[in-house]
Amino acid sequence: MTRLLEQAFETIRKLLDPVQDDLARLLLEIADGETQCVALTSDEESDLAEALAEVERGEFASDEAARALWVFPSFR
């Protein structure tokens, strides 16, 4: 096992059991090659195109906005 994977597991061990289970299922899907592509709707394609254009223009969310997006009560 690589050091990075060991570090990931150490971090995951600190999370709540339901979150650990979700991450374990995701990891197993990826390792088994069961992850499937998702077809985007036309609205989703438009949203993605706009997001990529924002990246090209250098328009990124602030650190505070990004933290607000990824900090869920279950992870605390």
N, C-alpha and C. Protein backbone atom coordinates (compact mmCIF):
# COMPACT_ATOMS: atom_id res chain seq x y z
N MET A 1 0.86 -1.17 0.00
CA MET A 1 0.00 0.00 0.00
C MET A 1 0.90 1.23 0.00
N THR A 2 0.54 2.23 -0.80
CA THR A 2 1.35 3.44 -0.86
C THR A 2 1.13 4.32 0.36
N ARG A 3 2.06 5.21 0.59
CA ARG A 3 1.92 6.13 1.72
C ARG A 3 0.71 7.03 1.56
N LEU A 4 0.45 7.43 0.33
CA LEU A 4 -0.70 8.31 0.09
C LEU A 4 -2.01 7.59 0.43
N LEU A 5 -2.12 6.33 0.04
CA LEU A 5 -3.33 5.57 0.36
C LEU A 5 -3.45 5.36 1.87
N GLU A 6 -2.35 5.09 2.53
CA GLU A 6 -2.37 4.96 3.99
C GLU A 6 -2.82 6.26 4.65
N GLN A 7 -2.35 7.40 4.12
CA GLN A 7 -2.75 8.70 4.66
C GLN A 7 -4.25 8.91 4.45
N ALA A 8 -4.75 8.52 3.29
CA ALA A 8 -6.18 8.66 3.02
C ALA A 8 -7.00 7.83 4.00
N PHE A 9 -6.58 6.59 4.25
CA PHE A 9 -7.30 5.74 5.19
C PHE A 9 -7.26 6.31 6.61
N GLU A 10 -6.13 6.86 7.01
CA GLU A 10 -6.03 7.47 8.34
C GLU A 10 -7.02 8.63 8.47
N THR A 11 -7.15 9.42 7.43
CA THR A 11 -8.08 10.54 7.45
C THR A 11 -9.52 10.04 7.48
N ILE A 12 -9.80 9.03 6.67
CA ILE A 12 -11.16 8.49 6.58
C ILE A 12 -11.58 7.84 7.90
N ARG A 13 -10.64 7.23 8.61
CA ARG A 13 -10.95 6.60 9.91
C ARG A 13 -11.56 7.57 10.90
N LYS A 14 -11.27 8.84 10.74
CA LYS A 14 -11.75 9.87 11.67
C LYS A 14 -13.18 10.31 11.35
N LEU A 15 -13.71 9.92 10.20
CA LEU A 15 -15.05 10.34 9.79
C LEU A 15 -16.11 9.42 10.39
N LEU A 16 -17.34 9.87 10.34
CA LEU A 16 -18.46 9.07 10.85
C LEU A 16 -18.63 7.80 10.02
N ASP A 17 -19.15 6.75 10.63
CA ASP A 17 -19.30 5.46 9.96
C ASP A 17 -20.07 5.54 8.63
N PRO A 18 -21.18 6.26 8.55
CA PRO A 18 -21.90 6.31 7.27
C PRO A 18 -21.05 6.93 6.15
N VAL A 19 -20.25 7.91 6.50
CA VAL A 19 -19.38 8.55 5.51
C VAL A 19 -18.29 7.57 5.09
N GLN A 20 -17.74 6.84 6.05
CA GLN A 20 -16.73 5.82 5.73
C GLN A 20 -17.32 4.78 4.78
N ASP A 21 -18.55 4.37 5.03
CA ASP A 21 -19.20 3.37 4.16
C ASP A 21 -19.38 3.91 2.75
N ASP A 22 -19.80 5.17 2.63
CA ASP A 22 -19.97 5.77 1.30
C ASP A 22 -18.65 5.80 0.54
N LEU A 23 -17.60 6.21 1.23
CA LEU A 23 -16.29 6.27 0.59
C LEU A 23 -15.78 4.88 0.22
N ALA A 24 -16.04 3.90 1.07
CA ALA A 24 -15.63 2.53 0.77
C ALA A 24 -16.34 1.99 -0.46
N ARG A 25 -17.65 2.25 -0.56
CA ARG A 25 -18.40 1.81 -1.74
C ARG A 25 -17.84 2.45 -3.01
N LEU A 26 -17.54 3.74 -2.94
CA LEU A 26 -17.00 4.44 -4.09
C LEU A 26 -15.65 3.87 -4.50
N LEU A 27 -14.80 3.64 -3.54
CA LEU A 27 -13.48 3.06 -3.81
C LEU A 27 -13.60 1.67 -4.43
N LEU A 28 -14.50 0.86 -3.93
CA LEU A 28 -14.70 -0.48 -4.49
C LEU A 28 -15.23 -0.42 -5.92
N GLU A 29 -16.13 0.52 -6.19
CA GLU A 29 -16.63 0.68 -7.56
C GLU A 29 -15.51 1.04 -8.51
N ILE A 30 -14.67 1.97 -8.10
CA ILE A 30 -13.56 2.40 -8.94
C ILE A 30 -12.58 1.25 -9.15
N ALA A 31 -12.24 0.54 -8.08
CA ALA A 31 -11.28 -0.56 -8.17
C ALA A 31 -11.80 -1.71 -9.03
N ASP A 32 -13.12 -1.92 -9.00
CA ASP A 32 -13.72 -2.99 -9.79
C ASP A 32 -14.03 -2.57 -11.22
N GLY A 33 -13.79 -1.31 -11.53
CA GLY A 33 -14.07 -0.82 -12.87
C GLY A 33 -15.54 -0.69 -13.17
N GLU A 34 -16.36 -0.56 -12.14
CA GLU A 34 -17.80 -0.48 -12.32
C GLU A 34 -18.32 0.95 -12.47
N THR A 35 -17.43 1.92 -12.37
CA THR A 35 -17.86 3.30 -12.51
C THR A 35 -18.31 3.54 -13.94
N GLN A 36 -19.49 4.08 -14.08
CA GLN A 36 -20.06 4.28 -15.41
C GLN A 36 -20.08 5.75 -15.78
N CYS A 37 -20.03 6.00 -17.08
CA CYS A 37 -20.15 7.37 -17.58
C CYS A 37 -21.60 7.81 -17.45
N VAL A 38 -21.78 9.08 -17.26
CA VAL A 38 -23.11 9.65 -17.14
C VAL A 38 -23.35 10.57 -18.33
N ALA A 39 -24.48 10.40 -18.99
CA ALA A 39 -24.84 11.28 -20.09
C ALA A 39 -25.40 12.58 -19.53
N LEU A 40 -24.90 13.71 -20.02
CA LEU A 40 -25.36 15.00 -19.55
C LEU A 40 -26.56 15.47 -20.34
N THR A 41 -27.45 16.17 -19.64
CA THR A 41 -28.57 16.80 -20.34
C THR A 41 -28.03 18.04 -21.05
N SER A 42 -28.82 18.65 -21.90
CA SER A 42 -28.37 19.86 -22.60
C SER A 42 -28.13 21.00 -21.61
N ASP A 43 -28.94 21.07 -20.55
CA ASP A 43 -28.73 22.09 -19.52
C ASP A 43 -27.41 21.87 -18.79
N GLU A 44 -27.12 20.61 -18.47
CA GLU A 44 -25.86 20.28 -17.80
C GLU A 44 -24.67 20.57 -18.69
N GLU A 45 -24.80 20.28 -19.99
CA GLU A 45 -23.72 20.59 -20.93
C GLU A 45 -23.47 22.10 -21.00
N SER A 46 -24.54 22.87 -20.99
CA SER A 46 -24.41 24.33 -21.01
C SER A 46 -23.73 24.83 -19.74
N ASP A 47 -24.16 24.29 -18.59
CA ASP A 47 -23.54 24.67 -17.32
C ASP A 47 -22.06 24.34 -17.30
N LEU A 48 -21.72 23.16 -17.81
CA LEU A 48 -20.32 22.74 -17.85
C LEU A 48 -19.52 23.64 -18.78
N ALA A 49 -20.06 23.98 -19.92
CA ALA A 49 -19.38 24.87 -20.86
C ALA A 49 -19.12 26.23 -20.21
N GLU A 50 -20.10 26.76 -19.49
CA GLU A 50 -19.93 28.04 -18.81
C GLU A 50 -18.87 27.93 -17.72
N ALA A 51 -18.87 26.84 -16.97
CA ALA A 51 -17.87 26.65 -15.91
C ALA A 51 -16.47 26.59 -16.51
N LEU A 52 -16.31 25.89 -17.62
CA LEU A 52 -15.00 25.80 -18.27
C LEU A 52 -14.56 27.17 -18.81
N ALA A 53 -15.52 27.94 -19.30
CA ALA A 53 -15.20 29.29 -19.77
C ALA A 53 -14.74 30.17 -18.61
N GLU A 54 -15.38 30.02 -17.45
CA GLU A 54 -14.97 30.77 -16.26
C GLU A 54 -13.54 30.41 -15.87
N VAL A 55 -13.20 29.14 -15.94
CA VAL A 55 -11.84 28.70 -15.63
C VAL A 55 -10.86 29.33 -16.61
N GLU A 56 -11.19 29.32 -17.89
CA GLU A 56 -10.33 29.93 -18.92
C GLU A 56 -10.10 31.41 -18.64
N ARG A 57 -11.12 32.09 -18.10
CA ARG A 57 -11.01 33.51 -17.78
C ARG A 57 -10.33 33.75 -16.43
N GLY A 58 -10.04 32.66 -15.71
CA GLY A 58 -9.39 32.79 -14.40
C GLY A 58 -10.36 33.16 -13.29
N GLU A 59 -11.63 32.90 -13.50
CA GLU A 59 -12.65 33.21 -12.50
C GLU A 59 -12.89 31.99 -11.61
N PHE A 60 -12.37 32.07 -10.40
CA PHE A 60 -12.49 30.97 -9.46
C PHE A 60 -13.21 31.42 -8.20
N ALA A 61 -13.78 30.47 -7.49
CA ALA A 61 -14.44 30.78 -6.22
C ALA A 61 -13.37 31.15 -5.19
N SER A 62 -13.75 31.99 -4.26
CA SER A 62 -12.84 32.34 -3.17
C SER A 62 -12.63 31.11 -2.29
N ASP A 63 -11.57 31.13 -1.50
CA ASP A 63 -11.32 30.02 -0.57
C ASP A 63 -12.50 29.82 0.36
N GLU A 64 -13.08 30.93 0.82
CA GLU A 64 -14.22 30.85 1.74
C GLU A 64 -15.42 30.17 1.08
N ALA A 65 -15.70 30.52 -0.17
CA ALA A 65 -16.82 29.91 -0.89
C ALA A 65 -16.57 28.43 -1.12
N ALA A 66 -15.34 28.07 -1.43
CA ALA A 66 -15.01 26.65 -1.64
C ALA A 66 -15.16 25.87 -0.33
N ARG A 67 -14.68 26.44 0.78
CA ARG A 67 -14.83 25.76 2.07
C ARG A 67 -16.30 25.56 2.42
N ALA A 68 -17.13 26.54 2.14
CA ALA A 68 -18.56 26.44 2.46
C ALA A 68 -19.20 25.31 1.66
N LEU A 69 -18.71 25.08 0.47
CA LEU A 69 -19.26 24.02 -0.37
C LEU A 69 -18.89 22.64 0.15
N TRP A 70 -17.68 22.48 0.65
CA TRP A 70 -17.18 21.15 1.00
C TRP A 70 -17.23 20.81 2.48
N VAL A 71 -17.60 21.73 3.34
CA VAL A 71 -17.66 21.44 4.77
C VAL A 71 -19.09 21.08 5.12
N PHE A 72 -19.31 19.78 5.31
CA PHE A 72 -20.63 19.27 5.65
C PHE A 72 -20.69 18.98 7.15
N PRO A 73 -21.83 19.16 7.78
CA PRO A 73 -21.94 18.89 9.22
C PRO A 73 -21.53 17.46 9.58
N SER A 74 -21.74 16.50 8.71
CA SER A 74 -21.39 15.10 9.03
C SER A 74 -19.89 14.88 9.10
N PHE A 75 -19.09 15.79 8.54
CA PHE A 75 -17.64 15.64 8.54
C PHE A 75 -16.98 16.29 9.77
N ARG A 76 -17.75 17.00 10.54
CA ARG A 76 -17.16 17.71 11.68
C ARG A 76 -17.00 16.82 12.87
